[in-house]
Structure formats: C-alpha cells, structure tokens
Amino acid sequence: MPERHVTVASKVGLHARPAALLAKEAAAQSVKITIRKQETEPVEAASILGLMTLGAAYGDEVVLAADGEGADDALDRIAELVGSELDGS
C-alpha cells in the first residue's frame, strides 16, 4: 500500500476550511485515502469530521495511504494539498 509522509503547511492545521477543501478533493479521487498522525489510527481523508478529530496542527507530520489502481496519483494530489496553505484561494 503506497504512503506519503507530509508536513501540514496550513497555519491553522487541518481544521474547518482546510479540512473541507481536503475532504472534497479526497472524495473526488477514485480510491479511498486515509490519513493519520504518527501513532494514531487512520481516518478517511474524505471525512471532514475525521480530519478535524485528527487534530493535525501546522508543522505536524501526517501519513497518507491508499490502495488500488490510481493510488499513487491520488496520494500525490492529496499530499500536494496537505503541503500547501489550503487557504481556498
């Protein structure tokens, strides 16, 4: 199962608007993507509530994972978002 380790670049972490933007993009992918912080259980990246309960703050490292055809491309796209400011502009 491919994984990506990414540092959260959004100054507010994965809360509210950044979580909504990330969940929307994850839901649009052809594979199920999970996200977790080190030593925690993964949550679905397409779930706003899951992302917010993850408690990922600015500078935290998260691990993205997916399996299936197109997983690498989907992970690259989501990793790019997590590593950006996610301000919605």
N, C-alpha and C. Protein backbone atom coordinates (compact mmCIF):
# COMPACT_ATOMS: atom_id res chain seq x y z
N MET A 1 0.85 -1.18 0.00
CA MET A 1 0.00 0.00 0.00
C MET A 1 0.90 1.24 0.00
N PRO A 2 0.78 2.08 -1.02
CA PRO A 2 1.61 3.29 -1.08
C PRO A 2 1.25 4.27 0.04
N GLU A 3 2.25 4.98 0.50
CA GLU A 3 2.07 6.00 1.53
C GLU A 3 2.85 7.25 1.16
N ARG A 4 2.43 8.36 1.73
CA ARG A 4 3.16 9.63 1.62
C ARG A 4 3.24 10.24 3.01
N HIS A 5 4.42 10.69 3.41
CA HIS A 5 4.61 11.41 4.66
C HIS A 5 4.68 12.89 4.29
N VAL A 6 3.80 13.68 4.89
CA VAL A 6 3.68 15.09 4.52
C VAL A 6 3.58 15.94 5.78
N THR A 7 4.19 17.12 5.74
CA THR A 7 4.07 18.08 6.83
C THR A 7 2.92 19.04 6.53
N VAL A 8 2.04 19.23 7.50
CA VAL A 8 0.89 20.12 7.35
C VAL A 8 1.39 21.56 7.24
N ALA A 9 1.07 22.21 6.13
CA ALA A 9 1.57 23.57 5.88
C ALA A 9 0.55 24.65 6.22
N SER A 10 -0.71 24.29 6.38
CA SER A 10 -1.74 25.28 6.70
C SER A 10 -1.50 25.83 8.10
N LYS A 11 -1.48 27.14 8.22
CA LYS A 11 -1.21 27.80 9.51
C LYS A 11 -2.24 27.44 10.58
N VAL A 12 -3.45 27.06 10.17
CA VAL A 12 -4.47 26.68 11.13
C VAL A 12 -4.62 25.16 11.26
N GLY A 13 -3.71 24.44 10.63
CA GLY A 13 -3.78 22.98 10.66
C GLY A 13 -4.92 22.48 9.78
N LEU A 14 -5.35 21.26 10.01
CA LEU A 14 -6.45 20.69 9.22
C LEU A 14 -7.77 20.88 9.96
N HIS A 15 -8.17 22.12 10.09
CA HIS A 15 -9.40 22.47 10.79
C HIS A 15 -10.29 23.28 9.87
N ALA A 16 -11.59 23.18 10.06
CA ALA A 16 -12.62 23.95 9.36
C ALA A 16 -12.40 24.01 7.84
N ARG A 17 -12.09 25.18 7.33
CA ARG A 17 -11.99 25.36 5.87
C ARG A 17 -10.93 24.45 5.24
N PRO A 18 -9.71 24.35 5.76
CA PRO A 18 -8.75 23.43 5.15
C PRO A 18 -9.25 21.98 5.14
N ALA A 19 -9.91 21.56 6.20
CA ALA A 19 -10.44 20.19 6.26
C ALA A 19 -11.50 19.99 5.18
N ALA A 20 -12.36 20.98 4.99
CA ALA A 20 -13.40 20.88 3.98
C ALA A 20 -12.81 20.80 2.57
N LEU A 21 -11.82 21.62 2.30
CA LEU A 21 -11.17 21.59 0.98
C LEU A 21 -10.47 20.25 0.73
N LEU A 22 -9.79 19.76 1.74
CA LEU A 22 -9.08 18.49 1.61
C LEU A 22 -10.05 17.33 1.46
N ALA A 23 -11.12 17.31 2.24
CA ALA A 23 -12.11 16.24 2.17
C ALA A 23 -12.79 16.22 0.79
N LYS A 24 -13.08 17.39 0.26
CA LYS A 24 -13.71 17.47 -1.06
C LYS A 24 -12.81 16.86 -2.12
N GLU A 25 -11.54 17.19 -2.09
CA GLU A 25 -10.60 16.65 -3.08
C GLU A 25 -10.39 15.15 -2.88
N ALA A 26 -10.32 14.71 -1.64
CA ALA A 26 -10.13 13.27 -1.36
C ALA A 26 -11.34 12.48 -1.85
N ALA A 27 -12.54 13.02 -1.68
CA ALA A 27 -13.76 12.34 -2.12
C ALA A 27 -13.81 12.23 -3.64
N ALA A 28 -13.17 13.14 -4.34
CA ALA A 28 -13.17 13.15 -5.81
C ALA A 28 -12.20 12.12 -6.40
N GLN A 29 -11.34 11.54 -5.58
CA GLN A 29 -10.36 10.58 -6.07
C GLN A 29 -11.03 9.22 -6.28
N SER A 30 -10.42 8.40 -7.11
CA SER A 30 -11.00 7.09 -7.46
C SER A 30 -10.70 6.01 -6.42
N VAL A 31 -9.89 6.33 -5.44
CA VAL A 31 -9.54 5.37 -4.38
C VAL A 31 -9.80 5.98 -3.01
N LYS A 32 -10.01 5.12 -2.03
CA LYS A 32 -10.20 5.59 -0.65
C LYS A 32 -8.82 5.96 -0.08
N ILE A 33 -8.74 7.14 0.48
CA ILE A 33 -7.49 7.65 1.06
C ILE A 33 -7.67 7.79 2.56
N THR A 34 -6.69 7.32 3.30
CA THR A 34 -6.70 7.52 4.75
C THR A 34 -5.56 8.43 5.14
N ILE A 35 -5.72 9.05 6.31
CA ILE A 35 -4.71 9.96 6.83
C ILE A 35 -4.59 9.71 8.33
N ARG A 36 -3.37 9.77 8.84
CA ARG A 36 -3.15 9.60 10.27
C ARG A 36 -1.92 10.39 10.69
N LYS A 37 -1.92 10.73 11.96
CA LYS A 37 -0.70 11.25 12.56
C LYS A 37 0.07 10.05 13.07
N GLN A 38 1.36 10.22 13.32
CA GLN A 38 2.16 9.11 13.83
C GLN A 38 1.50 8.54 15.08
N GLU A 39 1.50 7.24 15.19
CA GLU A 39 0.98 6.53 16.36
C GLU A 39 -0.52 6.71 16.61
N THR A 40 -1.29 7.08 15.60
CA THR A 40 -2.75 7.17 15.76
C THR A 40 -3.42 6.30 14.71
N GLU A 41 -4.69 6.04 14.92
CA GLU A 41 -5.48 5.28 13.96
C GLU A 41 -5.80 6.17 12.76
N PRO A 42 -5.82 5.61 11.56
CA PRO A 42 -6.15 6.42 10.38
C PRO A 42 -7.63 6.78 10.33
N VAL A 43 -7.92 7.90 9.68
CA VAL A 43 -9.28 8.32 9.40
C VAL A 43 -9.41 8.52 7.90
N GLU A 44 -10.64 8.50 7.40
CA GLU A 44 -10.84 8.72 5.98
C GLU A 44 -10.58 10.18 5.64
N ALA A 45 -9.77 10.40 4.63
CA ALA A 45 -9.44 11.77 4.22
C ALA A 45 -10.65 12.48 3.62
N ALA A 46 -11.65 11.74 3.19
CA ALA A 46 -12.86 12.35 2.62
C ALA A 46 -13.86 12.77 3.69
N SER A 47 -13.53 12.58 4.95
CA SER A 47 -14.43 12.91 6.05
C SER A 47 -13.97 14.19 6.76
N ILE A 48 -14.76 15.24 6.66
CA ILE A 48 -14.42 16.50 7.33
C ILE A 48 -14.30 16.27 8.84
N LEU A 49 -15.27 15.57 9.40
CA LEU A 49 -15.25 15.30 10.83
C LEU A 49 -14.01 14.49 11.21
N GLY A 50 -13.69 13.47 10.42
CA GLY A 50 -12.50 12.67 10.68
C GLY A 50 -11.23 13.51 10.66
N LEU A 51 -11.13 14.40 9.67
CA LEU A 51 -9.95 15.28 9.57
C LEU A 51 -9.84 16.20 10.78
N MET A 52 -10.97 16.73 11.21
CA MET A 52 -10.93 17.66 12.34
C MET A 52 -10.61 16.94 13.65
N THR A 53 -11.10 15.71 13.82
CA THR A 53 -10.80 14.97 15.05
C THR A 53 -9.36 14.47 15.06
N LEU A 54 -8.74 14.43 13.92
CA LEU A 54 -7.33 14.02 13.84
C LEU A 54 -6.46 15.00 14.63
N GLY A 55 -6.84 16.26 14.63
CA GLY A 55 -6.11 17.26 15.39
C GLY A 55 -4.74 17.59 14.81
N ALA A 56 -4.61 17.51 13.49
CA ALA A 56 -3.34 17.81 12.84
C ALA A 56 -3.13 19.32 12.79
N ALA A 57 -2.07 19.78 13.43
CA ALA A 57 -1.74 21.20 13.50
C ALA A 57 -0.63 21.55 12.52
N TYR A 58 -0.43 22.83 12.34
CA TYR A 58 0.66 23.32 11.49
C TYR A 58 1.98 22.69 11.92
N GLY A 59 2.70 22.12 10.96
CA GLY A 59 4.00 21.53 11.24
C GLY A 59 3.96 20.05 11.62
N ASP A 60 2.77 19.51 11.87
CA ASP A 60 2.66 18.08 12.19
C ASP A 60 2.91 17.25 10.93
N GLU A 61 3.51 16.09 11.12
CA GLU A 61 3.67 15.16 10.01
C GLU A 61 2.48 14.20 10.01
N VAL A 62 1.90 14.00 8.83
CA VAL A 62 0.80 13.05 8.67
C VAL A 62 1.21 12.02 7.63
N VAL A 63 0.56 10.87 7.69
CA VAL A 63 0.82 9.80 6.75
C VAL A 63 -0.46 9.54 5.96
N LEU A 64 -0.36 9.66 4.64
CA LEU A 64 -1.46 9.39 3.74
C LEU A 64 -1.27 8.00 3.16
N ALA A 65 -2.34 7.25 3.00
CA ALA A 65 -2.25 5.91 2.41
C ALA A 65 -3.47 5.65 1.55
N ALA A 66 -3.27 4.84 0.52
CA ALA A 66 -4.35 4.43 -0.37
C ALA A 66 -3.94 3.14 -1.04
N ASP A 67 -4.91 2.43 -1.55
CA ASP A 67 -4.62 1.18 -2.23
C ASP A 67 -5.52 1.07 -3.45
N GLY A 68 -5.01 0.49 -4.50
CA GLY A 68 -5.80 0.29 -5.70
C GLY A 68 -5.22 1.05 -6.88
N GLU A 69 -5.86 0.84 -8.02
CA GLU A 69 -5.41 1.48 -9.24
C GLU A 69 -5.59 3.00 -9.13
N GLY A 70 -4.54 3.73 -9.39
CA GLY A 70 -4.58 5.18 -9.30
C GLY A 70 -4.18 5.71 -7.93
N ALA A 71 -3.77 4.83 -7.01
CA ALA A 71 -3.43 5.26 -5.65
C ALA A 71 -2.28 6.24 -5.63
N ASP A 72 -1.24 5.99 -6.41
CA ASP A 72 -0.08 6.88 -6.39
C ASP A 72 -0.45 8.29 -6.84
N ASP A 73 -1.21 8.40 -7.91
CA ASP A 73 -1.63 9.72 -8.40
C ASP A 73 -2.52 10.43 -7.39
N ALA A 74 -3.44 9.69 -6.80
CA ALA A 74 -4.34 10.28 -5.80
C ALA A 74 -3.56 10.76 -4.59
N LEU A 75 -2.61 9.95 -4.13
CA LEU A 75 -1.80 10.35 -2.98
C LEU A 75 -0.95 11.57 -3.29
N ASP A 76 -0.40 11.62 -4.49
CA ASP A 76 0.39 12.80 -4.88
C ASP A 76 -0.46 14.06 -4.83
N ARG A 77 -1.69 13.99 -5.31
CA ARG A 77 -2.59 15.16 -5.32
C ARG A 77 -2.93 15.59 -3.90
N ILE A 78 -3.28 14.63 -3.04
CA ILE A 78 -3.66 14.97 -1.67
C ILE A 78 -2.44 15.45 -0.88
N ALA A 79 -1.29 14.84 -1.11
CA ALA A 79 -0.06 15.27 -0.44
C ALA A 79 0.28 16.71 -0.81
N GLU A 80 0.06 17.06 -2.07
CA GLU A 80 0.30 18.44 -2.52
C GLU A 80 -0.59 19.43 -1.76
N LEU A 81 -1.85 19.04 -1.56
CA LEU A 81 -2.77 19.92 -0.82
C LEU A 81 -2.37 20.06 0.64
N VAL A 82 -2.06 18.94 1.30
CA VAL A 82 -1.66 18.99 2.71
C VAL A 82 -0.42 19.84 2.88
N GLY A 83 0.48 19.79 1.91
CA GLY A 83 1.72 20.55 1.98
C GLY A 83 1.59 22.00 1.51
N SER A 84 0.35 22.44 1.24
CA SER A 84 0.13 23.82 0.81
C SER A 84 -0.64 24.57 1.89
N GLU A 85 -0.83 25.85 1.70
CA GLU A 85 -1.50 26.69 2.71
C GLU A 85 -2.99 26.36 2.85
N LEU A 86 -3.62 25.83 1.80
CA LEU A 86 -5.04 25.48 1.83
C LEU A 86 -5.92 26.64 2.31
N ASP A 87 -5.69 27.80 1.78
CA ASP A 87 -6.49 28.96 2.19
C ASP A 87 -7.74 29.14 1.34
N GLY A 88 -7.89 28.29 0.33
CA GLY A 88 -9.10 28.36 -0.50
C GLY A 88 -9.05 29.34 -1.64
N SER A 89 -7.90 30.00 -1.84
CA SER A 89 -7.85 30.94 -2.96
C SER A 89 -7.44 30.27 -4.24
